[in-house]
Amino acid sequence: MPLVLKGFKGRYIYWGLGLLLSSFILATGLVVTTGIIIGVLFMITYLGAGLYFLSMKQKQGMYSKNKSYSSYIPEHRIKSLGRKIETANEDTQ
């Protein structure tokens, strides 16, 4: 049974914790350098965007997959196939 916390599963929990920690650290730096309003707005925006990104990644699945709907033939197979066709043509002549 996978670990679930507030709707996030598995590794996304750790990503969420990293997001929370990084937003806090960056917002603290902004509060010190610019002001409390800019720091708080940044933290809210950063957390919102990050949590949205995490939820979209979780909907896509645990592992990132490339979805290619075309056929792929490795080059080394094409070369060996070409030799077989050439030898077959030589045998018929």
N, C-alpha and C. Protein backbone atom coordinates (compact mmCIF):
# COMPACT_ATOMS: atom_id res chain seq x y z
N MET A 1 0.85 -1.17 0.00
CA MET A 1 0.00 0.00 0.00
C MET A 1 0.90 1.24 0.00
N PRO A 2 0.77 2.11 -1.02
CA PRO A 2 1.64 3.29 -1.08
C PRO A 2 1.25 4.33 -0.02
N LEU A 3 2.22 5.12 0.34
CA LEU A 3 2.03 6.19 1.31
C LEU A 3 1.23 7.32 0.65
N VAL A 4 0.16 7.78 1.31
CA VAL A 4 -0.68 8.85 0.78
C VAL A 4 -0.83 9.93 1.84
N LEU A 5 -0.62 11.18 1.45
CA LEU A 5 -0.74 12.31 2.37
C LEU A 5 -1.38 13.48 1.62
N LYS A 6 -2.55 13.88 2.05
CA LYS A 6 -3.29 15.02 1.45
C LYS A 6 -3.45 14.87 -0.06
N GLY A 7 -3.66 13.66 -0.54
CA GLY A 7 -3.88 13.43 -1.96
C GLY A 7 -2.62 13.17 -2.76
N PHE A 8 -1.47 13.35 -2.17
CA PHE A 8 -0.21 13.08 -2.87
C PHE A 8 0.29 11.70 -2.50
N LYS A 9 0.82 10.98 -3.48
CA LYS A 9 1.26 9.61 -3.27
C LYS A 9 2.75 9.47 -3.52
N GLY A 10 3.37 8.57 -2.79
CA GLY A 10 4.75 8.17 -3.03
C GLY A 10 5.75 9.30 -3.05
N ARG A 11 6.49 9.37 -4.15
CA ARG A 11 7.58 10.36 -4.23
C ARG A 11 7.07 11.79 -4.31
N TYR A 12 5.80 11.99 -4.69
CA TYR A 12 5.27 13.34 -4.79
C TYR A 12 5.13 13.99 -3.41
N ILE A 13 5.04 13.18 -2.36
CA ILE A 13 5.03 13.74 -1.01
C ILE A 13 6.37 14.42 -0.73
N TYR A 14 7.45 13.77 -1.12
CA TYR A 14 8.78 14.35 -0.90
C TYR A 14 9.00 15.57 -1.78
N TRP A 15 8.49 15.53 -2.99
CA TRP A 15 8.58 16.70 -3.85
C TRP A 15 7.81 17.86 -3.24
N GLY A 16 6.64 17.58 -2.66
CA GLY A 16 5.85 18.61 -2.01
C GLY A 16 6.56 19.20 -0.80
N LEU A 17 7.21 18.34 -0.02
CA LEU A 17 7.97 18.84 1.13
C LEU A 17 9.15 19.71 0.68
N GLY A 18 9.81 19.31 -0.38
CA GLY A 18 10.90 20.12 -0.93
C GLY A 18 10.39 21.45 -1.46
N LEU A 19 9.22 21.43 -2.07
CA LEU A 19 8.59 22.66 -2.56
C LEU A 19 8.26 23.59 -1.40
N LEU A 20 7.69 23.04 -0.35
CA LEU A 20 7.34 23.83 0.82
C LEU A 20 8.58 24.45 1.46
N LEU A 21 9.62 23.66 1.62
CA LEU A 21 10.85 24.16 2.23
C LEU A 21 11.52 25.21 1.36
N SER A 22 11.60 24.97 0.05
CA SER A 22 12.26 25.95 -0.83
C SER A 22 11.46 27.24 -0.91
N SER A 23 10.12 27.16 -0.93
CA SER A 23 9.33 28.39 -0.97
C SER A 23 9.51 29.19 0.32
N PHE A 24 9.60 28.50 1.45
CA PHE A 24 9.81 29.20 2.72
C PHE A 24 11.16 29.90 2.75
N ILE A 25 12.20 29.20 2.29
CA ILE A 25 13.55 29.79 2.29
C ILE A 25 13.63 30.99 1.34
N LEU A 26 13.08 30.82 0.13
CA LEU A 26 13.11 31.93 -0.83
C LEU A 26 12.27 33.11 -0.36
N ALA A 27 11.10 32.84 0.22
CA ALA A 27 10.26 33.92 0.73
C ALA A 27 10.92 34.64 1.89
N THR A 28 11.62 33.90 2.74
CA THR A 28 12.34 34.53 3.85
C THR A 28 13.42 35.48 3.31
N GLY A 29 14.11 35.03 2.28
CA GLY A 29 15.12 35.90 1.66
C GLY A 29 14.50 37.15 1.06
N LEU A 30 13.34 37.01 0.44
CA LEU A 30 12.67 38.18 -0.14
C LEU A 30 12.15 39.12 0.95
N VAL A 31 11.65 38.56 2.04
CA VAL A 31 11.17 39.40 3.14
C VAL A 31 12.31 40.24 3.70
N VAL A 32 13.47 39.63 3.84
CA VAL A 32 14.62 40.35 4.40
C VAL A 32 15.09 41.44 3.44
N THR A 33 15.11 41.13 2.14
CA THR A 33 15.67 42.10 1.18
C THR A 33 14.67 43.13 0.69
N THR A 34 13.40 42.75 0.48
CA THR A 34 12.45 43.70 -0.12
C THR A 34 11.34 44.13 0.83
N GLY A 35 10.66 43.19 1.43
CA GLY A 35 9.56 43.55 2.32
C GLY A 35 8.65 42.36 2.52
N ILE A 36 7.80 42.46 3.54
CA ILE A 36 6.98 41.32 3.92
C ILE A 36 5.88 41.02 2.89
N ILE A 37 5.31 42.03 2.29
CA ILE A 37 4.21 41.81 1.34
C ILE A 37 4.70 41.07 0.10
N ILE A 38 5.83 41.49 -0.45
CA ILE A 38 6.38 40.82 -1.64
C ILE A 38 6.78 39.39 -1.30
N GLY A 39 7.37 39.17 -0.14
CA GLY A 39 7.77 37.82 0.28
C GLY A 39 6.59 36.89 0.44
N VAL A 40 5.52 37.37 1.07
CA VAL A 40 4.33 36.54 1.28
C VAL A 40 3.63 36.26 -0.05
N LEU A 41 3.53 37.27 -0.91
CA LEU A 41 2.92 37.05 -2.23
C LEU A 41 3.72 36.05 -3.05
N PHE A 42 5.03 36.16 -2.98
CA PHE A 42 5.88 35.20 -3.70
C PHE A 42 5.66 33.79 -3.17
N MET A 43 5.59 33.64 -1.85
CA MET A 43 5.43 32.31 -1.26
C MET A 43 4.09 31.71 -1.67
N ILE A 44 3.04 32.49 -1.66
CA ILE A 44 1.72 31.98 -2.05
C ILE A 44 1.72 31.59 -3.53
N THR A 45 2.29 32.43 -4.38
CA THR A 45 2.34 32.14 -5.81
C THR A 45 3.19 30.92 -6.11
N TYR A 46 4.35 30.85 -5.49
CA TYR A 46 5.29 29.74 -5.70
C TYR A 46 4.67 28.43 -5.24
N LEU A 47 4.04 28.43 -4.08
CA LEU A 47 3.40 27.22 -3.57
C LEU A 47 2.23 26.79 -4.44
N GLY A 48 1.41 27.75 -4.85
CA GLY A 48 0.25 27.43 -5.70
C GLY A 48 0.67 26.83 -7.03
N ALA A 49 1.63 27.45 -7.68
CA ALA A 49 2.11 26.95 -8.97
C ALA A 49 2.79 25.59 -8.81
N GLY A 50 3.57 25.44 -7.75
CA GLY A 50 4.26 24.17 -7.52
C GLY A 50 3.30 23.03 -7.21
N LEU A 51 2.30 23.29 -6.39
CA LEU A 51 1.32 22.25 -6.08
C LEU A 51 0.48 21.89 -7.30
N TYR A 52 0.17 22.88 -8.14
CA TYR A 52 -0.54 22.59 -9.39
C TYR A 52 0.32 21.70 -10.29
N PHE A 53 1.61 22.05 -10.42
CA PHE A 53 2.53 21.25 -11.23
C PHE A 53 2.62 19.81 -10.70
N LEU A 54 2.73 19.66 -9.38
CA LEU A 54 2.81 18.33 -8.78
C LEU A 54 1.56 17.52 -9.02
N SER A 55 0.40 18.15 -8.90
CA SER A 55 -0.84 17.40 -9.13
C SER A 55 -0.96 16.97 -10.59
N MET A 56 -0.50 17.81 -11.53
CA MET A 56 -0.53 17.42 -12.94
C MET A 56 0.45 16.27 -13.22
N LYS A 57 1.63 16.33 -12.60
CA LYS A 57 2.61 15.24 -12.78
C LYS A 57 2.08 13.94 -12.19
N GLN A 58 1.37 14.02 -11.07
CA GLN A 58 0.85 12.81 -10.44
C GLN A 58 -0.26 12.20 -11.29
N LYS A 59 -1.05 13.03 -11.96
CA LYS A 59 -2.10 12.51 -12.83
C LYS A 59 -1.51 11.78 -14.04
N GLN A 60 -0.33 12.22 -14.50
CA GLN A 60 0.32 11.58 -15.65
C GLN A 60 0.86 10.20 -15.30
N GLY A 61 1.13 9.96 -14.04
CA GLY A 61 1.66 8.67 -13.63
C GLY A 61 2.95 8.81 -12.87
N MET A 62 3.32 7.71 -12.20
CA MET A 62 4.50 7.72 -11.34
C MET A 62 5.79 7.91 -12.12
N TYR A 63 5.86 7.35 -13.31
CA TYR A 63 7.08 7.42 -14.11
C TYR A 63 6.79 8.21 -15.37
N SER A 64 7.71 9.08 -15.74
CA SER A 64 7.55 9.87 -16.95
C SER A 64 7.72 8.95 -18.15
N LYS A 65 6.76 8.99 -19.05
CA LYS A 65 6.79 8.12 -20.22
C LYS A 65 6.77 8.99 -21.47
N ASN A 66 7.50 8.56 -22.47
CA ASN A 66 7.44 9.20 -23.77
C ASN A 66 6.37 8.48 -24.57
N LYS A 67 5.41 9.22 -25.08
CA LYS A 67 4.35 8.62 -25.86
C LYS A 67 4.62 8.88 -27.33
N SER A 68 5.13 7.87 -27.99
CA SER A 68 5.41 7.97 -29.41
C SER A 68 4.48 7.00 -30.13
N TYR A 69 3.71 7.54 -31.07
CA TYR A 69 2.74 6.72 -31.77
C TYR A 69 3.23 6.31 -33.16
N SER A 70 4.50 6.50 -33.44
CA SER A 70 5.05 6.13 -34.74
C SER A 70 5.85 4.85 -34.62
N SER A 71 6.17 4.26 -35.75
CA SER A 71 6.96 3.04 -35.77
C SER A 71 8.44 3.41 -35.71
N TYR A 72 9.19 2.58 -35.03
CA TYR A 72 10.63 2.83 -34.90
C TYR A 72 11.35 1.55 -35.24
N ILE A 73 12.24 1.63 -36.22
CA ILE A 73 13.07 0.49 -36.60
C ILE A 73 14.51 0.90 -36.36
N PRO A 74 15.23 0.21 -35.48
CA PRO A 74 16.62 0.57 -35.22
C PRO A 74 17.46 0.50 -36.48
N GLU A 75 18.43 1.38 -36.60
CA GLU A 75 19.24 1.48 -37.81
C GLU A 75 20.00 0.20 -38.11
N HIS A 76 20.51 -0.47 -37.08
CA HIS A 76 21.29 -1.68 -37.34
C HIS A 76 20.41 -2.77 -37.94
N ARG A 77 19.12 -2.77 -37.66
CA ARG A 77 18.21 -3.75 -38.26
C ARG A 77 17.98 -3.42 -39.73
N ILE A 78 17.94 -2.15 -40.07
CA ILE A 78 17.73 -1.76 -41.46
C ILE A 78 18.93 -2.16 -42.30
N LYS A 79 20.14 -1.97 -41.77
CA LYS A 79 21.34 -2.34 -42.53
C LYS A 79 21.39 -3.84 -42.77
N SER A 80 21.10 -4.63 -41.75
CA SER A 80 21.15 -6.09 -41.94
C SER A 80 20.02 -6.55 -42.84
N LEU A 81 18.90 -5.89 -42.79
CA LEU A 81 17.79 -6.24 -43.67
C LEU A 81 18.15 -5.91 -45.11
N GLY A 82 18.85 -4.79 -45.32
CA GLY A 82 19.28 -4.42 -46.67
C GLY A 82 20.25 -5.44 -47.25
N ARG A 83 21.14 -5.99 -46.42
CA ARG A 83 22.07 -7.01 -46.91
C ARG A 83 21.34 -8.27 -47.32
N LYS A 84 20.32 -8.64 -46.54
CA LYS A 84 19.55 -9.84 -46.88
C LYS A 84 18.81 -9.67 -48.19
N ILE A 85 18.29 -8.46 -48.44
CA ILE A 85 17.57 -8.21 -49.69
C ILE A 85 18.54 -8.23 -50.85
N GLU A 86 19.74 -7.64 -50.68
CA GLU A 86 20.74 -7.64 -51.74
C GLU A 86 21.17 -9.06 -52.09
N THR A 87 21.41 -9.88 -51.10
CA THR A 87 21.83 -11.26 -51.37
C THR A 87 20.69 -12.05 -52.00
N ALA A 88 19.46 -11.76 -51.64
CA ALA A 88 18.33 -12.45 -52.25
C ALA A 88 18.19 -12.05 -53.71
N ASN A 89 18.45 -10.79 -54.02
CA ASN A 89 18.38 -10.33 -55.41
C ASN A 89 19.50 -10.95 -56.24
N GLU A 90 20.68 -11.13 -55.67
CA GLU A 90 21.81 -11.72 -56.39
C GLU A 90 21.53 -13.19 -56.66
N ASP A 91 20.87 -13.88 -55.75
CA ASP A 91 20.58 -15.30 -55.94
C ASP A 91 19.56 -15.51 -57.05
N THR A 92 18.64 -14.58 -57.24
CA THR A 92 17.61 -14.75 -58.26
C THR A 92 18.13 -14.38 -59.64
N GLN A 93 19.21 -13.67 -59.76
CA GLN A 93 19.71 -13.26 -61.07
C GLN A 93 20.59 -14.26 -61.67
